[in-house]
PDB file of N, CA and C in Angstrom:
ATOM      1  N   MET A   1       0.850  -1.170  -0.320  1.00  0.00           N
ATOM      2  CA  MET A   1      -0.196  -0.475  -0.268  1.00  0.00           C
ATOM      3  C   MET A   1       0.632   1.421   0.295  1.00  0.00           C
ATOM      4  N   GLN A   2       2.196   1.412   0.812  1.00  0.00           N
ATOM      5  CA  GLN A   2       3.094   2.250   0.631  1.00  0.00           C
ATOM      6  C   GLN A   2       3.245   2.378  -0.366  1.00  0.00           C
ATOM      7  N   GLU A   3       3.751   1.484  -1.403  1.00  0.00           N
ATOM      8  CA  GLU A   3       4.635   1.830  -2.729  1.00  0.00           C
ATOM      9  C   GLU A   3       3.561   2.594  -3.626  1.00  0.00           C
ATOM     10  N   LEU A   4       2.318   2.195  -3.441  1.00  0.00           N
ATOM     11  CA  LEU A   4       1.233   2.876  -4.433  1.00  0.00           C
ATOM     12  C   LEU A   4       1.082   3.989  -4.424  1.00  0.00           C
ATOM     13  N   LEU A   5       1.120   4.585  -2.565  1.00  0.00           N
ATOM     14  CA  LEU A   5       1.307   6.080  -2.328  1.00  0.00           C
ATOM     15  C   LEU A   5       2.157   6.605  -3.008  1.00  0.00           C
ATOM     16  N   ILE A   6       3.411   6.017  -2.987  1.00  0.00           N
ATOM     17  CA  ILE A   6       4.510   6.570  -3.599  1.00  0.00           C
ATOM     18  C   ILE A   6       4.471   6.532  -4.974  1.00  0.00           C
ATOM     19  N   GLY A   7       4.309   5.669  -5.237  1.00  0.00           N
ATOM     20  CA  GLY A   7       4.140   5.501  -6.965  1.00  0.00           C
ATOM     21  C   GLY A   7       2.975   6.777  -7.632  1.00  0.00           C
ATOM     22  N   LEU A   8       2.064   7.173  -6.887  1.00  0.00           N
ATOM     23  CA  LEU A   8       0.848   8.109  -6.949  1.00  0.00           C
ATOM     24  C   LEU A   8       1.704   9.338  -7.062  1.00  0.00           C
ATOM     25  N   LEU A   9       2.551   9.645  -5.854  1.00  0.00           N
ATOM     26  CA  LEU A   9       2.871  11.254  -5.277  1.00  0.00           C
ATOM     27  C   LEU A   9       4.207  11.126  -6.765  1.00  0.00           C
ATOM     28  N   PHE A  10       4.320  10.332  -7.017  1.00  0.00           N
ATOM     29  CA  PHE A  10       5.977  10.359  -7.917  1.00  0.00           C
ATOM     30  C   PHE A  10       5.116  10.720  -9.366  1.00  0.00           C
ATOM     31  N   LEU A  11       3.941  10.014  -9.759  1.00  0.00           N
ATOM     32  CA  LEU A  11       3.403  10.226 -11.036  1.00  0.00           C
ATOM     33  C   LEU A  11       2.770  11.658 -11.115  1.00  0.00           C
ATOM     34  N   ALA A  12       2.219  11.930  -9.955  1.00  0.00           N
ATOM     35  CA  ALA A  12       1.422  13.584  -9.543  1.00  0.00           C
ATOM     36  C   ALA A  12       2.947  14.597  -9.836  1.00  0.00           C
ATOM     37  N   ALA A  13       3.485  14.080  -9.479  1.00  0.00           N
ATOM     38  CA  ALA A  13       5.036  15.492  -9.149  1.00  0.00           C
ATOM     39  C   ALA A  13       5.515  15.102 -10.892  1.00  0.00           C
ATOM     40  N   LEU A  14       5.444  14.254 -11.265  1.00  0.00           N
ATOM     41  CA  LEU A  14       5.930  14.414 -13.058  1.00  0.00           C
ATOM     42  C   LEU A  14       4.971  14.703 -13.854  1.00  0.00           C
ATOM     43  N   ALA A  15       3.653  14.886 -13.776  1.00  0.00           N
ATOM     44  CA  ALA A  15       2.697  15.115 -14.192  1.00  0.00           C
ATOM     45  C   ALA A  15       2.686  16.960 -14.094  1.00  0.00           C
ATOM     46  N   TYR A  16       3.189  17.340 -12.928  1.00  0.00           N
ATOM     47  CA  TYR A  16       3.160  18.567 -12.412  1.00  0.00           C
ATOM     48  C   TYR A  16       4.051  19.510 -13.371  1.00  0.00           C
ATOM     49  N   LEU A  17       5.378  18.830 -13.117  1.00  0.00           N
ATOM     50  CA  LEU A  17       6.364  19.321 -14.007  1.00  0.00           C
ATOM     51  C   LEU A  17       6.371  19.531 -15.435  1.00  0.00           C
ATOM     52  N   GLY A  18       5.669  18.511 -16.165  1.00  0.00           N
ATOM     53  CA  GLY A  18       5.807  18.093 -17.362  1.00  0.00           C
ATOM     54  C   GLY A  18       4.474  19.472 -17.774  1.00  0.00           C
ATOM     55  N   TRP A  19       3.496  19.289 -17.086  1.00  0.00           N
ATOM     56  CA  TRP A  19       2.835  20.606 -17.240  1.00  0.00           C
ATOM     57  C   TRP A  19       3.318  22.207 -17.236  1.00  0.00           C
ATOM     58  N   ARG A  20       4.111  22.190 -16.077  1.00  0.00           N
ATOM     59  CA  ARG A  20       5.134  23.246 -16.303  1.00  0.00           C
ATOM     60  C   ARG A  20       5.745  23.645 -17.379  1.00  0.00           C
ATOM     61  N   GLY A  21       6.365  22.667 -18.225  1.00  0.00           N
ATOM     62  CA  GLY A  21       7.265  22.583 -18.819  1.00  0.00           C
ATOM     63  C   GLY A  21       6.590  22.945 -19.866  1.00  0.00           C
ATOM     64  N   TRP A  22       5.628  22.620 -20.449  1.00  0.00           N
ATOM     65  CA  TRP A  22       4.656  22.529 -21.563  1.00  0.00           C
ATOM     66  C   TRP A  22       4.281  23.967 -21.437  1.00  0.00           C
ATOM     67  N   LYS A  23       3.931  24.898 -20.232  1.00  0.00           N
ATOM     68  CA  LYS A  23       3.370  25.859 -20.109  1.00  0.00           C
ATOM     69  C   LYS A  23       4.299  26.985 -20.810  1.00  0.00           C
ATOM     70  N   SER A  24       5.536  26.614 -20.318  1.00  0.00           N
ATOM     71  CA  SER A  24       6.738  27.872 -20.393  1.00  0.00           C
ATOM     72  C   SER A  24       7.242  27.513 -21.692  1.00  0.00           C
ATOM     73  N   PHE A  25       7.016  26.296 -22.682  1.00  0.00           N
ATOM     74  CA  PHE A  25       7.671  26.398 -24.039  1.00  0.00           C
ATOM     75  C   PHE A  25       6.503  26.680 -25.024  1.00  0.00           C
ATOM     76  N   ALA A  26       5.075  25.983 -24.545  1.00  0.00           N
ATOM     77  CA  ALA A  26       3.922  26.509 -25.667  1.00  0.00           C
ATOM     78  C   ALA A  26       2.933  28.190 -25.523  1.00  0.00           C
ATOM     79  N   ARG A  27       3.612  28.923 -25.522  1.00  0.00           N
ATOM     80  CA  ARG A  27       3.356  30.369 -25.050  1.00  0.00           C
ATOM     81  C   ARG A  27       3.070  31.074 -26.385  1.00  0.00           C
ATOM     82  N   LYS A  28       1.744  31.227 -26.841  1.00  0.00           N
ATOM     83  CA  LYS A  28       0.966  31.661 -27.964  1.00  0.00           C
ATOM     84  C   LYS A  28       1.467  32.905 -28.122  1.00  0.00           C
ATOM     85  N   GLU A  29       1.091  33.855 -27.161  1.00  0.00           N
ATOM     86  CA  GLU A  29       1.705  35.440 -27.361  1.00  0.00           C
ATOM     87  C   GLU A  29       2.237  35.689 -26.137  1.00  0.00           C
ATOM     88  N   ALA A  30       3.138  36.888 -26.323  1.00  0.00           N
ATOM     89  CA  ALA A  30       4.345  37.406 -25.627  1.00  0.00           C
ATOM     90  C   ALA A  30       3.602  37.839 -24.889  1.00  0.00           C
ATOM     91  N   GLY A  31       4.264  38.498 -23.456  1.00  0.00           N
ATOM     92  CA  GLY A  31       4.083  38.763 -22.224  1.00  0.00           C
ATOM     93  C   GLY A  31       4.882  39.333 -21.362  1.00  0.00           C
ATOM     94  N   CYS A  32       4.360  39.381 -19.942  1.00  0.00           N
ATOM     95  CA  CYS A  32       5.839  39.720 -19.086  1.00  0.00           C
ATOM     96  C   CYS A  32       6.616  38.243 -19.068  1.00  0.00           C
ATOM     97  N   ALA A  33       7.595  38.442 -18.234  1.00  0.00           N
ATOM     98  CA  ALA A  33       8.291  37.221 -17.909  1.00  0.00           C
ATOM     99  C   ALA A  33       7.858  36.415 -16.924  1.00  0.00           C
ATOM    100  N   LYS A  34       7.008  36.361 -16.910  1.00  0.00           N
ATOM    101  CA  LYS A  34       6.227  35.660 -15.479  1.00  0.00           C
ATOM    102  C   LYS A  34       5.325  34.463 -16.399  1.00  0.00           C
ATOM    103  N   GLY A  35       4.996  34.933 -17.570  1.00  0.00           N
ATOM    104  CA  GLY A  35       4.169  34.382 -18.722  1.00  0.00           C
ATOM    105  C   GLY A  35       2.486  34.484 -18.085  1.00  0.00           C
ATOM    106  N   CYS A  36       2.091  35.264 -17.633  1.00  0.00           N
ATOM    107  CA  CYS A  36       0.803  35.500 -17.283  1.00  0.00           C
ATOM    108  C   CYS A  36       0.103  36.236 -18.619  1.00  0.00           C
ATOM    109  N   GLY A  37       0.674  36.361 -19.152  1.00  0.00           N
ATOM    110  CA  GLY A  37      -0.043  37.549 -19.949  1.00  0.00           C
ATOM    111  C   GLY A  37      -0.495  38.775 -19.606  1.00  0.00           C
ATOM    112  N   CYS A  38      -0.117  39.651 -18.716  1.00  0.00           N
ATOM    113  CA  CYS A  38      -0.580  40.581 -17.898  1.00  0.00           C
ATOM    114  C   CYS A  38      -0.063  42.104 -19.090  1.00  0.00           C
ATOM    115  N   ALA A  39       0.710  41.576 -19.623  1.00  0.00           N
ATOM    116  CA  ALA A  39       1.399  43.000 -20.614  1.00  0.00           C
ATOM    117  C   ALA A  39       0.539  42.980 -21.721  1.00  0.00           C
ATOM    118  N   THR A  40       0.148  41.585 -21.979  1.00  0.00           N
ATOM    119  CA  THR A  40      -0.482  42.083 -23.493  1.00  0.00           C
ATOM    120  C   THR A  40      -1.939  42.794 -23.266  1.00  0.00           C
ATOM    121  N   ASP A  41      -2.687  42.635 -21.893  1.00  0.00           N
ATOM    122  CA  ASP A  41      -4.450  42.801 -21.538  1.00  0.00           C
ATOM    123  C   ASP A  41      -4.385  44.318 -20.998  1.00  0.00           C
ATOM    124  N   VAL A  42      -3.175  45.082 -20.673  1.00  0.00           N
ATOM    125  CA  VAL A  42      -3.278  46.452 -20.530  1.00  0.00           C
ATOM    126  C   VAL A  42      -2.729  47.302 -21.087  1.00  0.00           C
ATOM    127  N   LYS A  43      -3.471  48.532 -21.722  1.00  0.00           N
ATOM    128  CA  LYS A  43      -2.880  49.254 -22.694  1.00  0.00           C
ATOM    129  C   LYS A  43      -2.765  50.385 -22.008  1.00  0.00           C
ATOM    130  N   THR A  44      -1.433  50.730 -22.042  1.00  0.00           N
ATOM    131  CA  THR A  44      -1.098  52.061 -21.510  1.00  0.00           C
ATOM    132  C   THR A  44      -1.008  53.220 -22.581  1.00  0.00           C
ATOM    133  N   PRO A  45      -1.415  54.020 -21.963  1.00  0.00           N
ATOM    134  CA  PRO A  45      -1.390  55.438 -22.508  1.00  0.00           C
ATOM    135  C   PRO A  45      -0.391  56.063 -23.558  1.00  0.00           C
ATOM    136  N   SER A  46      -0.686  56.367 -24.297  1.00  0.00           N
ATOM    137  CA  SER A  46       0.743  56.879 -25.198  1.00  0.00           C
ATOM    138  C   SER A  46       0.840  58.613 -24.682  1.00  0.00           C
ATOM    139  N   ILE A  47       2.268  58.877 -24.846  1.00  0.00           N
ATOM    140  CA  ILE A  47       2.404  59.936 -24.360  1.00  0.00           C
ATOM    141  C   ILE A  47       2.054  60.533 -25.867  1.00  0.00           C
ATOM    142  N   ASN A  48       1.785  62.001 -26.080  1.00  0.00           N
ATOM    143  CA  ASN A  48       1.405  62.561 -27.035  1.00  0.00           C
ATOM    144  C   ASN A  48       2.756  63.804 -27.404  1.00  0.00           C
ATOM    145  N   LYS A  49       2.447  64.332 -28.632  1.00  0.00           N
ATOM    146  CA  LYS A  49       3.508  65.185 -29.203  1.00  0.00           C
ATOM    147  C   LYS A  49       4.490  66.089 -28.063  1.00  0.00           C
ATOM    148  N   SER A  50       3.552  66.715 -27.315  1.00  0.00           N
ATOM    149  CA  SER A  50       4.239  67.776 -26.864  1.00  0.00           C
ATOM    150  C   SER A  50       4.452  66.924 -25.242  1.00  0.00           C
ATOM    151  N   GLY A  51       4.713  65.616 -25.252  1.00  0.00           N
ATOM    152  CA  GLY A  51       5.519  64.742 -23.878  1.00  0.00           C
ATOM    153  C   GLY A  51       4.336  64.593 -22.749  1.00  0.00           C
ATOM    154  N   HIS A  52       3.201  64.867 -23.107  1.00  0.00           N
ATOM    155  CA  HIS A  52       2.225  64.861 -21.897  1.00  0.00           C
ATOM    156  C   HIS A  52       1.390  63.673 -22.179  1.00  0.00           C
ATOM    157  N   LEU A  53       0.839  63.410 -20.880  1.00  0.00           N
ATOM    158  CA  LEU A  53       0.025  62.268 -21.204  1.00  0.00           C
ATOM    159  C   LEU A  53      -1.579  62.707 -21.889  1.00  0.00           C
ATOM    160  N   PRO A  54      -2.447  61.883 -22.257  1.00  0.00           N
ATOM    161  CA  PRO A  54      -3.545  62.487 -22.822  1.00  0.00           C
ATOM    162  C   PRO A  54      -4.657  62.721 -21.637  1.00  0.00           C
ATOM    163  N   VAL A  55      -5.285  64.214 -21.283  1.00  0.00           N
ATOM    164  CA  VAL A  55      -6.310  64.081 -20.511  1.00  0.00           C
ATOM    165  C   VAL A  55      -7.654  64.024 -20.788  1.00  0.00           C
ATOM    166  N   ASN A  56      -8.679  62.970 -20.137  1.00  0.00           N
ATOM    167  CA  ASN A  56     -10.223  62.720 -20.447  1.00  0.00           C
ATOM    168  C   ASN A  56     -10.938  63.829 -19.771  1.00  0.00           C
TER     169      ASN A  56
END
């Protein structure tokens, strides 16, 4: 019974590592270094020709 439990924990750890590896290599969009995609979601205001941010 103990060997079965250890084997299941080992397989779960391998699956987790495989999932993390897949996420790091199979990115579809560029984002921040963390890979969360937050940099592609946020639109930053651009500075106009006068050097100031636009005021709404």
